[in-house]
Amino acid sequence: MREIVVIGVGAGDPEQVTMQAVAALNRVDVFFVLDKGEVKQELVDLRSEILRRYATSKEYRVVVGRDPERDRTSSAYVEAVDDWRRRRADVCAGMIADELGEDQVGAFLVWGDPSLYDSTLAILDDILARGELAFSVEVIPGISSVSTLAARHRVGLNQVGRPIQITTGRRLAREWPAGVDDVVVMLDAQTAFTEHLDQDADIYWGAYLGTPDEILISGPVREVAAEIEKARAEARDRKGWIMDTYLLRRHADRRD
């Protein structure tokens, strides 16, 4: 039976690739890559660097498929994401069927950790549910952007005895999660932290974590919000894309 390995390769620094991931890389016959276009070509280049460094014990092939465009204008967010994932699944199913032999191992390299805001596992579940292809799946965990963010700022993600919540900018823009003082935010295209300048909270923000272009800013959110917005806009204009993550911390001894 075909085998698919989903390998977490860290937030961007090739040295974040774990020894378990290295062992998995060296079992792979075919690496599948979804091409996002020239704007994010450096992400493809970074994957190539990881393979050059670590996938050294056997011959392998790299198969590239075109990542479908997602409708970002639709007001029906969940439906738009579901449609995009189905079309992604179509592309991935075609690559697996056409390029991976029955006794071979294929792999998808995933930024950060495959379990955290990544669609690869859901896409593979979709393909298997169709009943047209059979393969086993193994998941290799990776160092996430969340853990990298905390390490770069030298902070813990939680306060003693308090929960944390990982959420999206879309949800944070609506409200600060109830009963939570520590909020990690991913997938924030609209700088949702600016909706909470009335909170007595600190922000620990990072962009392009683990890469040479890494940017870190921290401080009281009401004092550094404008600085983050400016840095974010300039970086996005310069590179054409941005990946950022942040922790908002409302101190339990200072909240209302």
Protein backbone atom coordinates (compact mmCIF):
# COMPACT_ATOMS: atom_id res chain seq x y z
CA MET A 1 0.00 0.00 0.00
CA ARG A 2 1.10 3.55 -0.65
CA GLU A 3 2.24 5.51 2.39
CA ILE A 4 1.96 9.26 2.90
CA VAL A 5 4.07 10.99 5.55
CA VAL A 6 3.06 14.48 6.66
CA ILE A 7 6.22 16.06 8.04
CA GLY A 8 6.30 19.19 10.17
CA VAL A 9 9.46 21.11 9.29
CA GLY A 10 9.32 24.05 11.69
CA ALA A 11 8.45 27.68 11.38
CA GLY A 12 11.13 28.61 8.84
CA ASP A 13 14.59 27.86 10.20
CA PRO A 14 16.02 24.66 8.61
CA GLU A 15 17.70 23.93 11.94
CA GLN A 16 14.25 23.46 13.50
CA VAL A 17 13.84 20.20 11.55
CA THR A 18 13.79 17.43 14.16
CA MET A 19 15.77 14.19 14.07
CA GLN A 20 12.48 12.30 13.69
CA ALA A 21 11.69 14.43 10.64
CA VAL A 22 15.16 13.77 9.18
CA ALA A 23 14.60 10.02 9.52
CA ALA A 24 11.24 10.35 7.77
CA LEU A 25 12.70 12.51 4.97
CA ASN A 26 15.13 9.74 4.15
CA ARG A 27 12.34 7.17 3.60
CA VAL A 28 10.52 9.25 1.00
CA ASP A 29 10.39 8.45 -2.71
CA VAL A 30 8.24 11.40 -3.82
CA PHE A 31 7.81 14.82 -2.20
CA PHE A 32 4.61 16.64 -3.15
CA VAL A 33 4.63 20.45 -3.24
CA LEU A 34 1.76 22.85 -3.87
CA ASP A 35 3.09 25.86 -5.78
CA LYS A 36 1.62 29.16 -4.54
CA GLY A 37 3.14 31.23 -7.34
CA GLU A 38 6.12 33.54 -7.61
CA VAL A 39 5.15 35.67 -4.61
CA LYS A 40 5.92 32.82 -2.22
CA GLN A 41 8.69 31.21 -4.28
CA GLU A 42 11.08 31.64 -1.35
CA LEU A 43 8.95 29.17 0.63
CA VAL A 44 9.49 26.59 -2.12
CA ASP A 45 13.20 27.46 -2.09
CA LEU A 46 13.32 26.89 1.67
CA ARG A 47 11.72 23.46 1.26
CA SER A 48 14.38 22.70 -1.36
CA GLU A 49 17.10 23.71 1.12
CA ILE A 50 15.64 21.38 3.75
CA LEU A 51 15.74 18.49 1.26
CA ARG A 52 19.29 19.35 0.19
CA ARG A 53 20.49 19.32 3.79
CA TYR A 54 18.66 16.33 5.17
CA ALA A 55 17.23 14.01 2.48
CA THR A 56 20.57 12.46 1.58
CA SER A 57 20.27 8.67 1.82
CA LYS A 58 18.20 7.79 -1.29
CA GLU A 59 17.02 9.09 -4.63
CA TYR A 60 13.75 11.01 -4.59
CA ARG A 61 11.56 13.05 -6.88
CA VAL A 62 9.74 16.34 -6.28
CA VAL A 63 6.29 16.66 -7.84
CA VAL A 64 4.75 20.14 -7.98
CA GLY A 65 1.04 20.89 -8.30
CA ARG A 66 -0.62 24.27 -8.66
CA ASP A 67 -2.32 25.42 -5.46
CA PRO A 68 -5.90 26.53 -6.31
CA GLU A 69 -6.83 30.14 -5.66
CA ARG A 70 -9.13 30.73 -2.69
CA ASP A 71 -12.07 33.12 -2.90
CA ARG A 72 -11.20 35.70 -0.24
CA THR A 73 -14.05 38.04 -1.16
CA SER A 74 -16.93 35.73 -0.24
CA SER A 75 -18.94 36.57 2.86
CA ALA A 76 -19.55 32.83 3.32
CA TYR A 77 -16.12 32.18 4.85
CA VAL A 78 -16.59 28.53 5.88
CA GLU A 79 -18.13 27.58 2.55
CA ALA A 80 -15.30 29.30 0.65
CA VAL A 81 -12.66 27.44 2.68
CA ASP A 82 -14.47 24.11 2.19
CA ASP A 83 -14.58 24.69 -1.57
CA TRP A 84 -10.88 25.58 -1.64
CA ARG A 85 -9.98 22.46 0.33
CA ARG A 86 -12.00 20.26 -2.03
CA ARG A 87 -10.13 21.68 -5.03
CA ARG A 88 -6.84 21.25 -3.18
CA ALA A 89 -7.81 17.64 -2.50
CA ASP A 90 -8.45 17.17 -6.24
CA VAL A 91 -4.92 18.36 -7.03
CA CYS A 92 -3.31 16.23 -4.31
CA ALA A 93 -5.29 13.12 -5.26
CA GLY A 94 -4.16 13.50 -8.86
CA MET A 95 -0.51 13.80 -7.84
CA ILE A 96 -0.68 10.76 -5.56
CA ALA A 97 -2.50 8.61 -8.15
CA ASP A 98 -0.23 9.60 -11.04
CA GLU A 99 3.17 9.91 -9.37
CA LEU A 100 3.34 7.52 -6.40
CA GLY A 101 3.82 3.80 -6.91
CA GLU A 102 1.82 1.27 -4.91
CA ASP A 103 4.83 0.36 -2.75
CA GLN A 104 6.30 3.86 -2.44
CA VAL A 105 6.37 6.55 0.25
CA GLY A 106 5.20 10.06 -0.52
CA ALA A 107 5.42 13.13 1.70
CA PHE A 108 4.04 16.60 2.22
CA LEU A 109 6.29 19.06 4.07
CA VAL A 110 4.21 21.27 6.35
CA TRP A 111 5.32 24.55 7.90
CA GLY A 112 5.21 24.47 11.68
CA ASP A 113 3.19 21.53 12.99
CA PRO A 114 0.65 19.61 10.85
CA SER A 115 -1.94 19.70 13.65
CA LEU A 116 -2.13 23.49 13.97
CA TYR A 117 -4.00 25.55 11.36
CA ASP A 118 -2.89 23.43 8.42
CA SER A 119 -5.21 21.74 5.93
CA THR A 120 -3.05 18.79 4.83
CA LEU A 121 -4.52 16.21 7.21
CA ALA A 122 -8.09 17.24 6.39
CA ILE A 123 -7.30 17.03 2.67
CA LEU A 124 -5.88 13.52 3.02
CA ASP A 125 -8.97 12.48 5.01
CA ASP A 126 -11.12 13.86 2.18
CA ILE A 127 -9.19 11.86 -0.43
CA LEU A 128 -9.46 8.64 1.59
CA ALA A 129 -13.19 9.19 2.16
CA ARG A 130 -13.76 9.26 -1.61
CA GLY A 131 -12.71 5.61 -1.73
CA GLU A 132 -10.74 5.93 -4.97
CA LEU A 133 -7.24 5.80 -3.44
CA ALA A 134 -5.85 3.79 -0.54
CA PHE A 135 -2.81 4.82 1.48
CA SER A 136 -1.63 4.90 5.08
CA VAL A 137 -0.82 8.19 6.79
CA GLU A 138 1.93 8.97 9.29
CA VAL A 139 2.32 12.38 10.94
CA ILE A 140 5.65 13.78 12.14
CA PRO A 141 5.15 16.73 14.54
CA GLY A 142 7.10 19.94 14.02
CA ILE A 143 8.07 23.11 15.86
CA SER A 144 5.15 25.49 15.42
CA SER A 145 5.20 29.24 14.87
CA VAL A 146 3.48 29.50 18.26
CA SER A 147 6.31 27.80 20.13
CA THR A 148 8.87 29.73 18.06
CA LEU A 149 7.15 33.01 18.94
CA ALA A 150 7.29 32.25 22.67
CA ALA A 151 10.94 31.20 22.44
CA ARG A 152 11.98 34.32 20.51
CA HIS A 153 10.30 36.59 23.07
CA ARG A 154 11.52 34.43 25.98
CA VAL A 155 8.05 34.10 27.51
CA GLY A 156 5.78 31.26 28.51
CA LEU A 157 2.49 30.92 26.68
CA ASN A 158 0.39 30.70 29.84
CA GLN A 159 0.20 32.33 33.24
CA VAL A 160 0.16 30.15 36.35
CA GLY A 161 -3.11 28.28 36.64
CA ARG A 162 -4.66 30.12 33.68
CA PRO A 163 -5.82 28.73 30.31
CA ILE A 164 -4.71 29.95 26.90
CA GLN A 165 -6.67 30.04 23.67
CA ILE A 166 -5.38 29.82 20.11
CA THR A 167 -7.68 31.59 17.71
CA THR A 168 -7.86 33.54 14.45
CA GLY A 169 -7.84 37.25 13.79
CA ARG A 170 -11.35 36.99 12.37
CA ARG A 171 -12.70 35.74 15.71
CA LEU A 172 -10.59 38.09 17.86
CA ALA A 173 -11.95 41.04 15.90
CA ARG A 174 -15.42 40.13 17.15
CA GLU A 175 -14.52 39.69 20.82
CA TRP A 176 -11.83 38.83 23.35
CA PRO A 177 -12.47 35.17 24.31
CA ALA A 178 -14.40 34.88 27.56
CA GLY A 179 -12.55 33.55 30.60
CA VAL A 180 -9.12 33.74 28.94
CA ASP A 181 -6.29 36.17 29.59
CA ASP A 182 -3.73 34.73 27.15
CA VAL A 183 -4.73 34.64 23.48
CA VAL A 184 -2.49 33.38 20.68
CA VAL A 185 -3.63 34.72 17.32
CA MET A 186 -2.88 33.24 13.91
CA LEU A 187 -4.23 33.98 10.43
CA ASP A 188 -4.84 37.66 11.16
CA ALA A 189 -5.01 39.65 7.95
CA GLN A 190 -6.66 42.68 9.57
CA THR A 191 -4.52 43.37 12.69
CA ALA A 192 -7.39 42.46 15.00
CA PHE A 193 -5.37 43.45 18.07
CA THR A 194 -6.21 47.07 17.24
CA GLU A 195 -9.79 46.30 18.29
CA HIS A 196 -8.59 45.78 21.86
CA LEU A 197 -6.49 48.84 22.64
CA ASP A 198 -8.72 49.45 25.65
CA GLN A 199 -7.42 46.25 27.26
CA ASP A 200 -4.61 46.43 29.80
CA ALA A 201 -2.64 43.88 27.80
CA ASP A 202 0.80 43.24 26.37
CA ILE A 203 1.46 41.93 22.88
CA TYR A 204 4.30 39.70 21.70
CA TRP A 205 4.30 39.86 17.90
CA GLY A 206 6.49 38.12 15.35
CA ALA A 207 6.60 37.87 11.56
CA TYR A 208 8.57 35.47 9.32
CA LEU A 209 9.54 33.59 12.46
CA GLY A 210 12.68 31.50 12.16
CA THR A 211 13.79 33.12 8.90
CA PRO A 212 16.46 35.76 8.17
CA ASP A 213 13.61 38.30 7.73
CA GLU A 214 12.21 37.71 11.22
CA ILE A 215 10.65 40.78 12.90
CA LEU A 216 9.85 40.92 16.63
CA ILE A 217 7.97 43.65 18.51
CA SER A 218 6.58 43.55 22.04
CA GLY A 219 5.12 45.88 24.66
CA PRO A 220 1.79 47.22 25.90
CA VAL A 221 -0.60 46.76 23.00
CA ARG A 222 -1.87 50.35 23.09
CA GLU A 223 1.73 51.65 22.88
CA VAL A 224 3.14 49.42 20.13
CA ALA A 225 0.06 48.78 17.95
CA ALA A 226 0.95 51.54 15.49
CA GLU A 227 4.56 50.33 15.29
CA ILE A 228 3.40 46.80 14.48
CA GLU A 229 0.95 48.03 11.84
CA LYS A 230 3.70 50.06 10.17
CA ALA A 231 6.27 47.23 10.27
CA ARG A 232 3.70 44.76 8.98
CA ALA A 233 2.61 46.94 6.07
CA GLU A 234 6.21 47.71 5.04
CA ALA A 235 7.21 44.04 5.19
CA ARG A 236 4.20 42.95 3.16
CA ASP A 237 4.92 45.59 0.50
CA ARG A 238 8.57 44.54 0.35
CA LYS A 239 8.03 40.78 0.14
CA GLY A 240 4.52 40.53 -1.30
CA TRP A 241 3.27 38.33 1.55
CA ILE A 242 3.45 38.07 5.32
CA MET A 243 3.11 35.32 7.92
CA ASP A 244 2.78 36.59 11.48
CA THR A 245 1.64 35.33 14.87
CA TYR A 246 1.19 37.02 18.22
CA LEU A 247 0.35 36.51 21.87
CA LEU A 248 -1.95 38.95 23.63
CA ARG A 249 -1.55 38.81 27.41
CA ARG A 250 -3.96 40.44 29.81
CA HIS A 251 -2.39 40.19 33.26
CA ALA A 252 -4.68 38.45 35.73
CA ASP A 253 -3.70 40.81 38.55
CA ARG A 254 -4.56 43.89 36.43
CA ARG A 255 -7.80 42.91 34.69
CA ASP A 256 -11.13 44.36 35.72
